[in-house]
Amino acid sequence: MKVTTPVVTAIRTVPPADLSLLEGVPGVDYKDGAVSFTADDLNASYRGLERLVGVATGAYTGVLFERLRGRPDWTRLESDYSQALEQRWFDVESGRWTRPRPAAPPARKHHGFQ
């Protein structure tokens, strides 16, 4: 198969995945639950799709919070969570915490790209 460049790439989400937070981001075309973008080549298109899947599945935490709100100890959990977020912010601002370095992704081939 021969792919012409640039590559127009699109991904549509199915709830609970969600990409609506990308609506209005320059360079990203969001419409009706789908995001499309133009990439220089197939490899860049694939990497972009991988990242969009990561963004879309970030919405899964909404399902977690729905479940937690139904628990009898929700008030305590919510308070603990809020305090942990606040503490993390203070730790970052004071230099007590830095983001861990991400692990290098494994080398791989995909769809014949080498």
C-alpha atoms as a PDB file:
ATOM      1  CA  MET A   1       0.000   0.000   0.000  1.00  0.00           C
ATOM      2  CA  LYS A   2       1.298   3.434  -0.858  1.00  0.00           C
ATOM      3  CA  VAL A   3       0.325   6.286   1.430  1.00  0.00           C
ATOM      4  CA  THR A   4       0.396   9.817   0.123  1.00  0.00           C
ATOM      5  CA  THR A   5       1.472  12.621   2.411  1.00  0.00           C
ATOM      6  CA  PRO A   6       0.439  14.587   4.281  1.00  0.00           C
ATOM      7  CA  VAL A   7      -1.832  12.114   6.084  1.00  0.00           C
ATOM      8  CA  VAL A   8      -5.233  13.310   7.306  1.00  0.00           C
ATOM      9  CA  THR A   9      -6.012  11.279  10.406  1.00  0.00           C
ATOM     10  CA  ALA A  10      -9.223  11.047  12.415  1.00  0.00           C
ATOM     11  CA  ILE A  11     -10.392   9.266  15.542  1.00  0.00           C
ATOM     12  CA  ARG A  12     -13.909   9.080  16.961  1.00  0.00           C
ATOM     13  CA  THR A  13     -14.521   8.262  20.607  1.00  0.00           C
ATOM     14  CA  VAL A  14     -17.160   6.120  22.232  1.00  0.00           C
ATOM     15  CA  PRO A  15     -18.121   6.975  25.834  1.00  0.00           C
ATOM     16  CA  PRO A  16     -16.726   6.862  28.380  1.00  0.00           C
ATOM     17  CA  ALA A  17     -13.753   7.967  26.217  1.00  0.00           C
ATOM     18  CA  ASP A  18     -14.020  11.653  25.338  1.00  0.00           C
ATOM     19  CA  LEU A  19     -12.039  14.158  23.287  1.00  0.00           C
ATOM     20  CA  SER A  20     -14.371  17.158  23.679  1.00  0.00           C
ATOM     21  CA  LEU A  21     -11.825  18.974  25.833  1.00  0.00           C
ATOM     22  CA  LEU A  22      -9.784  19.429  22.634  1.00  0.00           C
ATOM     23  CA  GLU A  23     -12.523  21.515  21.030  1.00  0.00           C
ATOM     24  CA  GLY A  24     -11.041  24.897  20.154  1.00  0.00           C
ATOM     25  CA  VAL A  25      -7.385  23.803  20.414  1.00  0.00           C
ATOM     26  CA  PRO A  26      -5.470  25.313  17.467  1.00  0.00           C
ATOM     27  CA  GLY A  27      -4.462  22.720  14.879  1.00  0.00           C
ATOM     28  CA  VAL A  28      -7.028  20.196  16.101  1.00  0.00           C
ATOM     29  CA  ASP A  29     -10.347  19.817  14.326  1.00  0.00           C
ATOM     30  CA  TYR A  30     -12.986  18.561  16.782  1.00  0.00           C
ATOM     31  CA  LYS A  31     -16.485  17.860  15.543  1.00  0.00           C
ATOM     32  CA  ASP A  32     -19.251  15.488  16.686  1.00  0.00           C
ATOM     33  CA  GLY A  33     -17.060  13.422  19.013  1.00  0.00           C
ATOM     34  CA  ALA A  34     -14.213  13.070  16.533  1.00  0.00           C
ATOM     35  CA  VAL A  35     -10.812  14.698  16.229  1.00  0.00           C
ATOM     36  CA  SER A  36      -8.892  15.007  13.002  1.00  0.00           C
ATOM     37  CA  PHE A  37      -5.447  16.357  12.269  1.00  0.00           C
ATOM     38  CA  THR A  38      -2.904  16.410   9.467  1.00  0.00           C
ATOM     39  CA  ALA A  39       0.415  14.630   9.937  1.00  0.00           C
ATOM     40  CA  ASP A  40       3.546  14.737   7.807  1.00  0.00           C
ATOM     41  CA  ASP A  41       3.702  10.953   7.424  1.00  0.00           C
ATOM     42  CA  LEU A  42       2.163   7.677   8.585  1.00  0.00           C
ATOM     43  CA  ASN A  43       4.495   7.381  11.575  1.00  0.00           C
ATOM     44  CA  ALA A  44       3.523  10.846  12.853  1.00  0.00           C
ATOM     45  CA  SER A  45      -0.133   9.988  12.263  1.00  0.00           C
ATOM     46  CA  TYR A  46       0.174   6.816  14.347  1.00  0.00           C
ATOM     47  CA  ARG A  47       1.996   8.625  17.172  1.00  0.00           C
ATOM     48  CA  GLY A  48      -0.705  11.285  17.170  1.00  0.00           C
ATOM     49  CA  LEU A  49      -3.422   8.637  17.390  1.00  0.00           C
ATOM     50  CA  GLU A  50      -1.641   6.989  20.329  1.00  0.00           C
ATOM     51  CA  ARG A  51      -1.574  10.306  22.172  1.00  0.00           C
ATOM     52  CA  LEU A  52      -5.215  11.025  21.392  1.00  0.00           C
ATOM     53  CA  VAL A  53      -6.203   7.641  22.801  1.00  0.00           C
ATOM     54  CA  GLY A  54      -4.317   8.623  25.968  1.00  0.00           C
ATOM     55  CA  VAL A  55      -6.253  11.898  26.162  1.00  0.00           C
ATOM     56  CA  ALA A  56      -9.591  10.215  25.394  1.00  0.00           C
ATOM     57  CA  THR A  57      -9.189   7.549  28.057  1.00  0.00           C
ATOM     58  CA  GLY A  58      -8.406  10.231  30.634  1.00  0.00           C
ATOM     59  CA  ALA A  59     -12.186  10.664  30.756  1.00  0.00           C
ATOM     60  CA  TYR A  60     -12.441   7.205  32.321  1.00  0.00           C
ATOM     61  CA  THR A  61     -11.805   8.807  35.709  1.00  0.00           C
ATOM     62  CA  GLY A  62     -15.306  10.268  35.416  1.00  0.00           C
ATOM     63  CA  VAL A  63     -16.685   6.733  35.743  1.00  0.00           C
ATOM     64  CA  LEU A  64     -14.486   6.175  38.785  1.00  0.00           C
ATOM     65  CA  PHE A  65     -15.823   9.336  40.437  1.00  0.00           C
ATOM     66  CA  GLU A  66     -19.410   8.322  39.657  1.00  0.00           C
ATOM     67  CA  ARG A  67     -18.803   5.057  41.506  1.00  0.00           C
ATOM     68  CA  LEU A  68     -17.027   6.730  44.411  1.00  0.00           C
ATOM     69  CA  ARG A  69     -19.823   9.280  44.898  1.00  0.00           C
ATOM     70  CA  GLY A  70     -22.149   6.371  45.640  1.00  0.00           C
ATOM     71  CA  ARG A  71     -20.029   5.128  48.529  1.00  0.00           C
ATOM     72  CA  PRO A  72     -20.960   5.961  52.129  1.00  0.00           C
ATOM     73  CA  ASP A  73     -17.413   7.264  52.764  1.00  0.00           C
ATOM     74  CA  TRP A  74     -17.478   9.602  49.732  1.00  0.00           C
ATOM     75  CA  THR A  75     -17.216  12.786  51.806  1.00  0.00           C
ATOM     76  CA  ARG A  76     -13.983  11.578  53.409  1.00  0.00           C
ATOM     77  CA  LEU A  77     -12.599  10.315  50.080  1.00  0.00           C
ATOM     78  CA  GLU A  78     -13.375  13.619  48.364  1.00  0.00           C
ATOM     79  CA  SER A  79     -11.697  15.555  51.170  1.00  0.00           C
ATOM     80  CA  ASP A  80      -8.610  13.309  51.065  1.00  0.00           C
ATOM     81  CA  TYR A  81      -8.417  13.695  47.285  1.00  0.00           C
ATOM     82  CA  SER A  82      -8.729  17.497  47.449  1.00  0.00           C
ATOM     83  CA  GLN A  83      -6.037  17.688  50.115  1.00  0.00           C
ATOM     84  CA  ALA A  84      -3.727  15.439  48.078  1.00  0.00           C
ATOM     85  CA  LEU A  85      -4.164  17.663  45.001  1.00  0.00           C
ATOM     86  CA  GLU A  86      -3.447  20.762  47.044  1.00  0.00           C
ATOM     87  CA  GLN A  87      -0.398  19.170  48.671  1.00  0.00           C
ATOM     88  CA  ARG A  88       0.971  18.091  45.298  1.00  0.00           C
ATOM     89  CA  TRP A  89       0.649  21.652  44.014  1.00  0.00           C
ATOM     90  CA  PHE A  90       2.467  23.011  47.073  1.00  0.00           C
ATOM     91  CA  ASP A  91       5.170  20.331  46.739  1.00  0.00           C
ATOM     92  CA  VAL A  92       5.740  21.184  43.075  1.00  0.00           C
ATOM     93  CA  GLU A  93       5.844  24.915  43.788  1.00  0.00           C
ATOM     94  CA  SER A  94       8.325  24.453  46.637  1.00  0.00           C
ATOM     95  CA  GLY A  95      10.558  22.062  44.693  1.00  0.00           C
ATOM     96  CA  ARG A  96       9.842  19.082  46.967  1.00  0.00           C
ATOM     97  CA  TRP A  97       8.329  17.116  44.085  1.00  0.00           C
ATOM     98  CA  THR A  98       9.312  16.736  40.469  1.00  0.00           C
ATOM     99  CA  ARG A  99       7.583  14.723  37.794  1.00  0.00           C
ATOM    100  CA  PRO A 100       9.062  11.242  37.417  1.00  0.00           C
ATOM    101  CA  ARG A 101      10.797  10.663  34.110  1.00  0.00           C
ATOM    102  CA  PRO A 102       8.589   8.619  31.802  1.00  0.00           C
ATOM    103  CA  ALA A 103       9.783   5.161  30.916  1.00  0.00           C
ATOM    104  CA  ALA A 104      11.058   4.844  27.368  1.00  0.00           C
ATOM    105  CA  PRO A 105       8.440   3.153  25.185  1.00  0.00           C
ATOM    106  CA  PRO A 106       9.471  -0.187  23.762  1.00  0.00           C
ATOM    107  CA  ALA A 107      10.768  -0.134  20.189  1.00  0.00           C
ATOM    108  CA  ARG A 108       8.200  -1.642  17.884  1.00  0.00           C
ATOM    109  CA  LYS A 109       6.954  -1.835  14.372  1.00  0.00           C
ATOM    110  CA  HIS A 110       3.376  -1.112  13.478  1.00  0.00           C
ATOM    111  CA  HIS A 111       1.419  -1.761  10.324  1.00  0.00           C
ATOM    112  CA  GLY A 112       4.588  -2.394   8.357  1.00  0.00           C
ATOM    113  CA  PHE A 113       6.254   0.915   9.278  1.00  0.00           C
ATOM    114  CA  GLN A 114       9.938   0.446  10.038  1.00  0.00           C
END
